[in-house]
N, C-alpha and C. Protein backbone atom coordinates (compact mmCIF):
# COMPACT_ATOMS: atom_id res chain seq x y z
N UNK A 1 -62.48 -17.56 -15.16
CA UNK A 1 -61.04 -17.61 -15.27
C UNK A 1 -60.44 -16.38 -14.59
N UNK A 2 -59.42 -16.62 -13.79
CA UNK A 2 -58.71 -15.51 -13.17
C UNK A 2 -57.81 -14.84 -14.20
N UNK A 3 -57.68 -13.52 -14.07
CA UNK A 3 -56.89 -12.74 -15.02
C UNK A 3 -55.44 -12.63 -14.55
N UNK A 4 -54.56 -12.32 -15.48
CA UNK A 4 -53.13 -12.15 -15.20
C UNK A 4 -52.91 -10.89 -14.36
N UNK A 5 -51.83 -10.90 -13.61
CA UNK A 5 -51.49 -9.75 -12.77
C UNK A 5 -51.36 -8.46 -13.56
N UNK A 6 -50.84 -8.53 -14.78
CA UNK A 6 -50.70 -7.32 -15.59
C UNK A 6 -52.06 -6.71 -15.93
N UNK A 7 -53.08 -7.56 -16.16
CA UNK A 7 -54.43 -7.06 -16.41
C UNK A 7 -54.99 -6.41 -15.15
N UNK A 8 -54.82 -7.07 -14.00
CA UNK A 8 -55.31 -6.52 -12.73
C UNK A 8 -54.65 -5.17 -12.47
N UNK A 9 -53.34 -5.07 -12.72
CA UNK A 9 -52.60 -3.83 -12.47
C UNK A 9 -53.15 -2.66 -13.28
N UNK A 10 -53.73 -2.95 -14.43
CA UNK A 10 -54.28 -1.86 -15.26
C UNK A 10 -55.56 -1.27 -14.66
N UNK A 11 -56.06 -1.87 -13.57
CA UNK A 11 -57.27 -1.39 -12.91
C UNK A 11 -57.02 -0.97 -11.46
N UNK A 12 -55.73 -0.80 -11.13
CA UNK A 12 -55.33 -0.40 -9.78
C UNK A 12 -54.30 0.72 -9.91
N UNK A 13 -54.51 1.79 -9.11
CA UNK A 13 -53.51 2.87 -9.14
C UNK A 13 -53.41 3.56 -7.79
N UNK A 14 -52.25 4.02 -7.42
CA UNK A 14 -50.99 3.78 -8.11
C UNK A 14 -50.46 2.39 -7.77
N UNK A 15 -49.57 1.89 -8.60
CA UNK A 15 -48.89 0.64 -8.28
C UNK A 15 -47.41 0.80 -8.59
N UNK A 16 -46.61 0.08 -7.82
CA UNK A 16 -45.18 -0.04 -8.10
C UNK A 16 -44.98 -1.36 -8.84
N UNK A 17 -43.88 -1.48 -9.52
CA UNK A 17 -43.62 -2.70 -10.28
C UNK A 17 -43.62 -3.94 -9.39
N UNK A 18 -43.12 -3.82 -8.16
CA UNK A 18 -43.04 -4.98 -7.27
C UNK A 18 -44.40 -5.43 -6.74
N UNK A 19 -45.47 -4.68 -7.01
CA UNK A 19 -46.80 -5.07 -6.56
C UNK A 19 -47.50 -6.03 -7.53
N UNK A 20 -47.06 -6.05 -8.78
CA UNK A 20 -47.70 -6.91 -9.77
C UNK A 20 -47.18 -8.33 -9.60
N UNK A 21 -48.11 -9.25 -9.37
CA UNK A 21 -47.80 -10.66 -9.18
C UNK A 21 -48.33 -11.44 -10.39
N UNK A 22 -47.99 -12.72 -10.52
CA UNK A 22 -48.47 -13.47 -11.68
C UNK A 22 -50.00 -13.46 -11.84
N UNK A 23 -50.75 -13.48 -10.72
CA UNK A 23 -52.21 -13.57 -10.80
C UNK A 23 -52.94 -12.42 -10.12
N UNK A 24 -52.26 -11.36 -9.77
CA UNK A 24 -52.96 -10.26 -9.11
C UNK A 24 -52.02 -9.12 -8.81
N UNK A 25 -52.51 -8.21 -7.96
CA UNK A 25 -51.75 -7.04 -7.55
C UNK A 25 -51.80 -6.94 -6.03
N UNK A 26 -50.63 -6.72 -5.43
CA UNK A 26 -50.56 -6.53 -3.99
C UNK A 26 -51.13 -5.17 -3.62
N UNK A 27 -51.93 -5.15 -2.56
CA UNK A 27 -52.48 -3.91 -2.02
C UNK A 27 -51.70 -3.55 -0.77
N UNK A 28 -51.51 -2.25 -0.56
CA UNK A 28 -50.69 -1.78 0.55
C UNK A 28 -51.52 -1.19 1.68
N UNK A 29 -50.91 -1.11 2.84
CA UNK A 29 -51.56 -0.55 4.03
C UNK A 29 -51.50 0.97 3.99
N UNK A 30 -52.68 1.58 4.03
CA UNK A 30 -52.78 3.05 4.04
C UNK A 30 -53.13 3.58 5.42
N UNK A 31 -54.07 2.93 6.09
CA UNK A 31 -54.53 3.42 7.39
C UNK A 31 -55.11 2.27 8.20
N UNK A 32 -55.09 2.45 9.53
CA UNK A 32 -55.65 1.47 10.46
C UNK A 32 -56.67 2.18 11.34
N UNK A 33 -57.82 1.54 11.55
CA UNK A 33 -58.88 2.10 12.37
C UNK A 33 -59.29 1.11 13.46
N UNK A 34 -59.74 1.64 14.58
CA UNK A 34 -60.34 0.82 15.63
C UNK A 34 -61.81 1.18 15.73
N UNK A 35 -62.67 0.17 15.75
CA UNK A 35 -64.10 0.39 15.90
C UNK A 35 -64.37 0.83 17.35
N UNK A 36 -65.09 1.93 17.53
CA UNK A 36 -65.36 2.46 18.87
C UNK A 36 -66.82 2.35 19.29
N UNK A 37 -67.72 2.41 18.33
CA UNK A 37 -69.15 2.37 18.61
C UNK A 37 -69.79 1.26 17.78
N UNK A 38 -70.89 0.72 18.24
CA UNK A 38 -71.55 -0.33 17.46
C UNK A 38 -72.16 0.22 16.17
N UNK A 39 -72.19 -0.64 15.17
CA UNK A 39 -72.87 -0.32 13.92
C UNK A 39 -74.21 -1.00 13.91
N UNK A 40 -74.92 -0.88 12.79
CA UNK A 40 -76.24 -1.52 12.68
C UNK A 40 -76.48 -1.91 11.24
N UNK A 41 -76.91 -3.15 11.04
CA UNK A 41 -77.31 -3.61 9.72
C UNK A 41 -78.75 -4.07 9.85
N UNK A 42 -79.65 -3.34 9.24
CA UNK A 42 -81.08 -3.64 9.35
C UNK A 42 -81.69 -3.95 8.00
N UNK A 43 -83.00 -4.08 8.00
CA UNK A 43 -83.71 -4.33 6.75
C UNK A 43 -83.83 -3.07 5.91
N UNK A 44 -83.71 -1.91 6.57
CA UNK A 44 -83.91 -0.64 5.88
C UNK A 44 -82.61 0.15 5.70
N UNK A 45 -81.47 -0.50 5.83
CA UNK A 45 -80.22 0.20 5.63
C UNK A 45 -79.15 -0.25 6.62
N UNK A 46 -78.08 0.51 6.63
CA UNK A 46 -76.95 0.16 7.49
C UNK A 46 -76.33 1.43 8.05
N UNK A 47 -75.63 1.26 9.14
CA UNK A 47 -74.91 2.36 9.78
C UNK A 47 -73.57 1.81 10.27
N UNK A 48 -72.50 2.47 9.86
CA UNK A 48 -71.16 2.06 10.29
C UNK A 48 -70.88 2.74 11.62
N UNK A 49 -70.47 1.96 12.61
CA UNK A 49 -70.15 2.52 13.92
C UNK A 49 -68.93 3.43 13.85
N UNK A 50 -68.87 4.34 14.80
CA UNK A 50 -67.76 5.30 14.85
C UNK A 50 -66.43 4.57 14.97
N UNK A 51 -65.46 5.08 14.24
CA UNK A 51 -64.11 4.52 14.25
C UNK A 51 -63.11 5.58 14.68
N UNK A 52 -62.00 5.11 15.21
CA UNK A 52 -60.91 6.01 15.56
C UNK A 52 -59.69 5.59 14.76
N UNK A 53 -59.07 6.55 14.08
CA UNK A 53 -57.89 6.26 13.30
C UNK A 53 -56.71 6.02 14.25
N UNK A 54 -55.91 5.01 13.97
CA UNK A 54 -54.69 4.75 14.72
C UNK A 54 -53.57 5.54 14.06
N UNK A 55 -52.78 6.21 14.86
CA UNK A 55 -51.65 6.96 14.32
C UNK A 55 -50.41 6.07 14.35
N UNK A 56 -49.67 6.01 13.25
CA UNK A 56 -48.44 5.21 13.25
C UNK A 56 -47.35 5.90 14.06
N UNK A 57 -46.39 5.10 14.47
CA UNK A 57 -45.24 5.61 15.22
C UNK A 57 -44.00 5.50 14.35
N UNK A 58 -42.97 6.28 14.68
CA UNK A 58 -41.67 6.09 14.05
C UNK A 58 -40.93 5.07 14.89
N UNK A 59 -40.56 3.95 14.29
CA UNK A 59 -39.92 2.86 15.00
C UNK A 59 -38.61 2.53 14.32
N UNK A 60 -37.58 2.24 15.08
CA UNK A 60 -36.29 1.87 14.52
C UNK A 60 -36.36 0.54 13.79
N UNK A 61 -35.43 0.33 12.84
CA UNK A 61 -35.41 -0.89 12.04
C UNK A 61 -34.69 -2.02 12.75
N UNK A 62 -34.19 -1.79 13.93
CA UNK A 62 -33.41 -2.82 14.63
C UNK A 62 -31.94 -2.46 14.61
N UNK A 63 -31.54 -1.70 13.61
CA UNK A 63 -30.15 -1.25 13.50
C UNK A 63 -30.03 0.16 14.06
N UNK A 64 -31.08 0.63 14.73
CA UNK A 64 -31.06 1.96 15.30
C UNK A 64 -31.47 3.05 14.34
N UNK A 65 -31.84 2.68 13.10
CA UNK A 65 -32.26 3.66 12.10
C UNK A 65 -33.76 3.58 11.90
N UNK A 66 -34.33 4.69 11.40
CA UNK A 66 -35.77 4.71 11.14
C UNK A 66 -36.06 4.21 9.73
N UNK A 67 -37.25 3.61 9.54
CA UNK A 67 -37.72 3.16 8.22
C UNK A 67 -38.10 4.38 7.39
N UNK A 68 -37.18 4.92 6.64
CA UNK A 68 -37.44 6.06 5.77
C UNK A 68 -38.42 7.03 6.44
N UNK A 69 -39.50 7.39 5.73
CA UNK A 69 -40.49 8.30 6.29
C UNK A 69 -41.73 7.55 6.74
N UNK A 70 -41.74 6.24 6.56
CA UNK A 70 -42.92 5.45 6.89
C UNK A 70 -43.06 5.29 8.40
N UNK A 71 -44.30 5.31 8.84
CA UNK A 71 -44.59 5.04 10.24
C UNK A 71 -44.92 3.57 10.41
N UNK A 72 -44.89 3.12 11.65
CA UNK A 72 -45.17 1.73 11.95
C UNK A 72 -46.35 1.64 12.89
N UNK A 73 -47.29 0.76 12.56
CA UNK A 73 -48.41 0.48 13.43
C UNK A 73 -48.04 -0.73 14.29
N UNK A 74 -48.01 -0.55 15.59
CA UNK A 74 -47.82 -1.67 16.51
C UNK A 74 -49.22 -2.09 16.94
N UNK A 75 -49.65 -3.26 16.50
CA UNK A 75 -51.02 -3.70 16.74
C UNK A 75 -51.02 -4.87 17.71
N UNK A 76 -51.74 -4.68 18.81
CA UNK A 76 -51.91 -5.75 19.78
C UNK A 76 -53.03 -6.67 19.31
N UNK A 77 -53.14 -7.82 19.94
CA UNK A 77 -54.18 -8.79 19.60
C UNK A 77 -55.54 -8.09 19.59
N UNK A 78 -56.30 -8.32 18.54
CA UNK A 78 -57.62 -7.70 18.42
C UNK A 78 -58.02 -7.57 16.96
N UNK A 79 -59.08 -6.82 16.72
CA UNK A 79 -59.61 -6.61 15.37
C UNK A 79 -59.48 -5.15 14.98
N UNK A 80 -59.11 -4.92 13.73
CA UNK A 80 -58.91 -3.57 13.20
C UNK A 80 -59.49 -3.52 11.79
N UNK A 81 -59.86 -2.32 11.35
CA UNK A 81 -60.24 -2.11 9.96
C UNK A 81 -59.04 -1.45 9.29
N UNK A 82 -58.63 -2.00 8.15
CA UNK A 82 -57.52 -1.42 7.40
C UNK A 82 -58.05 -0.87 6.08
N UNK A 83 -57.43 0.22 5.66
CA UNK A 83 -57.76 0.80 4.35
C UNK A 83 -56.55 0.59 3.44
N UNK A 84 -56.84 0.20 2.21
CA UNK A 84 -55.77 -0.02 1.24
C UNK A 84 -55.36 1.31 0.62
N UNK A 85 -54.13 1.37 0.14
CA UNK A 85 -53.59 2.61 -0.40
C UNK A 85 -53.90 2.87 -1.86
N UNK A 86 -54.48 1.90 -2.53
CA UNK A 86 -54.70 2.01 -3.97
C UNK A 86 -56.18 2.20 -4.29
N UNK A 87 -56.43 2.92 -5.38
CA UNK A 87 -57.78 3.04 -5.92
C UNK A 87 -58.00 1.88 -6.88
N UNK A 88 -59.08 1.17 -6.66
CA UNK A 88 -59.40 -0.02 -7.44
C UNK A 88 -60.65 0.25 -8.26
N UNK A 89 -60.62 -0.17 -9.51
CA UNK A 89 -61.78 -0.07 -10.39
C UNK A 89 -62.04 -1.47 -10.96
N UNK A 90 -63.12 -2.09 -10.53
CA UNK A 90 -63.45 -3.43 -11.01
C UNK A 90 -64.12 -3.28 -12.38
N UNK A 91 -63.51 -3.84 -13.43
CA UNK A 91 -64.04 -3.63 -14.79
C UNK A 91 -65.29 -4.46 -15.07
N UNK A 92 -66.02 -4.03 -16.08
CA UNK A 92 -67.19 -4.77 -16.54
C UNK A 92 -66.77 -6.19 -16.90
N UNK A 93 -67.62 -7.14 -16.59
CA UNK A 93 -67.34 -8.53 -16.92
C UNK A 93 -66.43 -9.23 -15.94
N UNK A 94 -66.21 -8.60 -14.75
CA UNK A 94 -65.30 -9.17 -13.76
C UNK A 94 -65.85 -9.03 -12.35
N UNK A 95 -65.28 -9.81 -11.46
CA UNK A 95 -65.53 -9.70 -10.03
C UNK A 95 -64.17 -9.74 -9.34
N UNK A 96 -64.03 -8.98 -8.25
CA UNK A 96 -62.76 -8.93 -7.54
C UNK A 96 -62.82 -9.64 -6.21
N UNK A 97 -61.70 -10.27 -5.87
CA UNK A 97 -61.53 -10.92 -4.57
C UNK A 97 -60.21 -10.44 -3.99
N UNK A 98 -60.19 -10.15 -2.69
CA UNK A 98 -58.97 -9.74 -2.00
C UNK A 98 -58.62 -10.81 -0.98
N UNK A 99 -57.38 -11.25 -1.04
CA UNK A 99 -56.88 -12.28 -0.14
C UNK A 99 -55.70 -11.74 0.67
N UNK A 100 -55.48 -12.26 1.87
CA UNK A 100 -54.32 -11.81 2.65
C UNK A 100 -53.03 -12.34 2.01
N UNK A 101 -51.97 -11.58 2.15
CA UNK A 101 -50.66 -12.11 1.76
C UNK A 101 -50.25 -13.16 2.79
N UNK A 102 -49.52 -14.13 2.37
CA UNK A 102 -49.15 -15.23 3.26
C UNK A 102 -48.30 -14.76 4.44
N UNK A 103 -47.56 -13.67 4.28
CA UNK A 103 -46.76 -13.16 5.40
C UNK A 103 -47.64 -12.70 6.55
N UNK A 104 -48.85 -12.23 6.27
CA UNK A 104 -49.78 -11.89 7.36
C UNK A 104 -50.15 -13.14 8.14
N UNK A 105 -50.54 -14.18 7.43
CA UNK A 105 -50.95 -15.42 8.11
C UNK A 105 -49.79 -16.03 8.89
N UNK A 106 -48.59 -15.92 8.35
CA UNK A 106 -47.42 -16.47 9.04
C UNK A 106 -47.07 -15.67 10.29
N UNK A 107 -47.68 -14.50 10.42
CA UNK A 107 -47.50 -13.68 11.62
C UNK A 107 -48.78 -13.66 12.46
N UNK A 108 -49.59 -14.70 12.33
CA UNK A 108 -50.81 -14.89 13.14
C UNK A 108 -51.86 -13.82 12.91
N UNK A 109 -51.96 -13.33 11.68
CA UNK A 109 -52.98 -12.34 11.33
C UNK A 109 -53.82 -12.87 10.18
N UNK A 110 -55.06 -12.43 10.11
CA UNK A 110 -55.96 -12.82 9.03
C UNK A 110 -56.69 -11.58 8.53
N UNK A 111 -56.91 -11.53 7.23
CA UNK A 111 -57.60 -10.41 6.61
C UNK A 111 -58.89 -10.93 5.99
N UNK A 112 -60.01 -10.35 6.38
CA UNK A 112 -61.31 -10.75 5.84
C UNK A 112 -61.83 -9.63 4.94
N UNK A 113 -62.38 -10.03 3.79
CA UNK A 113 -62.92 -9.06 2.85
C UNK A 113 -64.22 -9.60 2.26
N UNK A 114 -64.84 -8.79 1.44
CA UNK A 114 -66.09 -9.17 0.78
C UNK A 114 -65.88 -9.20 -0.73
N UNK A 115 -66.88 -9.61 -1.46
CA UNK A 115 -66.83 -9.62 -2.92
C UNK A 115 -66.82 -8.17 -3.42
N UNK A 116 -66.04 -7.92 -4.44
CA UNK A 116 -65.97 -6.60 -5.06
C UNK A 116 -66.64 -6.70 -6.44
N UNK A 117 -67.82 -6.12 -6.55
CA UNK A 117 -68.65 -6.24 -7.75
C UNK A 117 -68.12 -5.41 -8.91
N UNK A 118 -68.47 -5.85 -10.12
CA UNK A 118 -68.17 -5.09 -11.33
C UNK A 118 -68.71 -3.68 -11.18
N UNK A 119 -67.91 -2.70 -11.59
CA UNK A 119 -68.33 -1.31 -11.52
C UNK A 119 -67.89 -0.58 -10.27
N UNK A 120 -67.44 -1.30 -9.22
CA UNK A 120 -66.97 -0.64 -7.99
C UNK A 120 -65.69 0.14 -8.28
N UNK A 121 -65.62 1.34 -7.72
CA UNK A 121 -64.39 2.13 -7.74
C UNK A 121 -64.22 2.74 -6.36
N UNK A 122 -63.03 2.61 -5.81
CA UNK A 122 -62.74 3.22 -4.51
C UNK A 122 -61.49 2.64 -3.89
N UNK A 123 -61.19 3.16 -2.69
CA UNK A 123 -60.11 2.62 -1.86
C UNK A 123 -60.80 1.78 -0.80
N UNK A 124 -60.77 0.49 -1.00
CA UNK A 124 -61.51 -0.42 -0.14
C UNK A 124 -60.89 -0.63 1.22
N UNK A 125 -61.60 -1.41 2.02
CA UNK A 125 -61.19 -1.71 3.39
C UNK A 125 -61.34 -3.20 3.65
N UNK A 126 -60.65 -3.68 4.67
CA UNK A 126 -60.75 -5.06 5.09
C UNK A 126 -60.69 -5.15 6.60
N UNK A 127 -61.09 -6.29 7.14
CA UNK A 127 -61.05 -6.53 8.58
C UNK A 127 -59.79 -7.32 8.89
N UNK A 128 -58.90 -6.73 9.64
CA UNK A 128 -57.65 -7.38 10.04
C UNK A 128 -57.81 -7.95 11.44
N UNK A 129 -57.67 -9.26 11.54
CA UNK A 129 -57.71 -9.93 12.84
C UNK A 129 -56.27 -10.26 13.23
N UNK A 130 -55.85 -9.70 14.36
CA UNK A 130 -54.50 -9.90 14.86
C UNK A 130 -54.57 -10.89 16.02
N UNK A 131 -53.95 -12.04 15.86
CA UNK A 131 -53.99 -13.08 16.89
C UNK A 131 -52.72 -13.10 17.73
N UNK A 132 -51.73 -12.32 17.34
CA UNK A 132 -50.49 -12.14 18.11
C UNK A 132 -49.94 -10.79 17.71
N UNK A 133 -49.44 -10.01 18.66
CA UNK A 133 -48.96 -8.67 18.37
C UNK A 133 -48.08 -8.66 17.12
N UNK A 134 -48.23 -7.57 16.34
CA UNK A 134 -47.51 -7.46 15.07
C UNK A 134 -47.21 -5.99 14.79
N UNK A 135 -46.15 -5.73 14.03
CA UNK A 135 -45.83 -4.40 13.55
C UNK A 135 -46.06 -4.38 12.04
N UNK A 136 -46.82 -3.40 11.57
CA UNK A 136 -47.07 -3.22 10.14
C UNK A 136 -46.64 -1.81 9.75
N UNK A 137 -45.81 -1.71 8.74
CA UNK A 137 -45.30 -0.42 8.27
C UNK A 137 -46.24 0.15 7.22
N UNK A 138 -46.49 1.46 7.28
CA UNK A 138 -47.29 2.12 6.25
C UNK A 138 -46.73 1.77 4.88
N UNK A 139 -47.61 1.44 3.95
CA UNK A 139 -47.18 1.12 2.60
C UNK A 139 -46.77 -0.33 2.42
N UNK A 140 -46.77 -1.12 3.50
CA UNK A 140 -46.42 -2.54 3.38
C UNK A 140 -47.49 -3.27 2.58
N UNK A 141 -47.09 -4.27 1.82
CA UNK A 141 -48.01 -5.08 1.03
C UNK A 141 -48.68 -6.09 1.97
N UNK A 142 -50.01 -5.98 2.12
CA UNK A 142 -50.73 -6.84 3.07
C UNK A 142 -51.77 -7.73 2.42
N UNK A 143 -52.15 -7.45 1.19
CA UNK A 143 -53.23 -8.20 0.54
C UNK A 143 -52.95 -8.32 -0.94
N UNK A 144 -53.71 -9.19 -1.60
CA UNK A 144 -53.59 -9.31 -3.05
C UNK A 144 -54.98 -9.32 -3.67
N UNK A 145 -55.18 -8.44 -4.65
CA UNK A 145 -56.42 -8.38 -5.42
C UNK A 145 -56.29 -9.26 -6.64
N UNK A 146 -57.29 -10.12 -6.86
CA UNK A 146 -57.37 -10.91 -8.08
C UNK A 146 -58.71 -10.60 -8.75
N UNK A 147 -58.73 -10.69 -10.05
CA UNK A 147 -59.95 -10.47 -10.82
C UNK A 147 -60.29 -11.73 -11.58
N UNK A 148 -61.57 -12.08 -11.56
CA UNK A 148 -62.07 -13.23 -12.32
C UNK A 148 -63.13 -12.74 -13.29
N UNK A 149 -63.14 -13.35 -14.46
CA UNK A 149 -64.20 -13.04 -15.41
C UNK A 149 -65.51 -13.56 -14.83
N UNK A 150 -66.57 -12.76 -14.98
CA UNK A 150 -67.86 -13.15 -14.41
C UNK A 150 -69.00 -12.48 -15.17
N UNK A 151 -70.08 -13.21 -15.31
CA UNK A 151 -71.31 -12.61 -15.80
C UNK A 151 -71.92 -11.84 -14.66
N UNK A 152 -72.63 -10.77 -14.96
CA UNK A 152 -73.27 -9.99 -13.91
C UNK A 152 -74.49 -9.26 -14.44
N UNK A 153 -75.38 -8.97 -13.52
CA UNK A 153 -76.59 -8.21 -13.84
C UNK A 153 -76.37 -6.78 -13.38
N UNK A 154 -76.03 -5.90 -14.26
CA UNK A 154 -75.77 -4.51 -13.90
C UNK A 154 -74.39 -4.36 -13.29
N UNK A 155 -74.13 -3.15 -12.77
CA UNK A 155 -72.85 -2.86 -12.12
C UNK A 155 -73.10 -2.23 -10.77
N UNK A 156 -72.10 -2.29 -9.92
CA UNK A 156 -72.22 -1.78 -8.55
C UNK A 156 -72.52 -0.28 -8.55
N UNK A 157 -73.51 0.10 -7.75
CA UNK A 157 -73.88 1.51 -7.60
C UNK A 157 -74.39 1.72 -6.18
N UNK A 158 -73.70 1.12 -5.21
CA UNK A 158 -74.15 1.16 -3.83
C UNK A 158 -73.49 2.24 -3.00
N UNK A 159 -73.70 2.15 -1.72
CA UNK A 159 -73.23 3.12 -0.74
C UNK A 159 -71.73 3.35 -0.78
N UNK A 160 -70.97 2.30 -1.06
CA UNK A 160 -69.51 2.41 -0.98
C UNK A 160 -68.85 2.81 -2.30
N UNK A 161 -69.66 3.12 -3.32
CA UNK A 161 -69.10 3.56 -4.58
C UNK A 161 -68.31 4.84 -4.33
N UNK A 162 -67.06 4.87 -4.76
CA UNK A 162 -66.21 6.06 -4.58
C UNK A 162 -65.68 6.24 -3.17
N UNK A 163 -65.75 5.20 -2.33
CA UNK A 163 -65.34 5.35 -0.93
C UNK A 163 -63.86 5.68 -0.80
N UNK A 164 -63.58 6.51 0.17
CA UNK A 164 -62.22 6.92 0.55
C UNK A 164 -61.44 7.63 -0.56
N UNK A 165 -62.15 8.18 -1.54
CA UNK A 165 -61.46 8.90 -2.60
C UNK A 165 -61.38 10.38 -2.27
């Protein structure tokens, strides 16, 4: 069974009131990276290829004014790694799934993520596929975390435990 947004919000910080949805919590854009070097996934471990952080720009809102203090990422067609702005703690007895917000898909973008095991804590990442140029503002809501009750054998204690904290 999927949990209510208020329950999910109790395991995500920081959150604003507008991030809590009926069945989950919206995750915001913290950073964008471009993969520069190949990675490796072998039988004896893994290596993440070198990444370069994209710097946001100050872009006008269309009315000639700037979006507060937030920067804007102008992303051309391609693949990017995005980091979420919130620290997530998947509670015992649950599994987490992250889905793209529909506004991403309506702008020809897709967000791919993996299963988030019970016990994971960190600021996670996702693969953003941009199929048509798009502008994303820092702090914009790009994904939604949902939690489902699940049986599990142990808790997550892997390489990404505590990532980006």
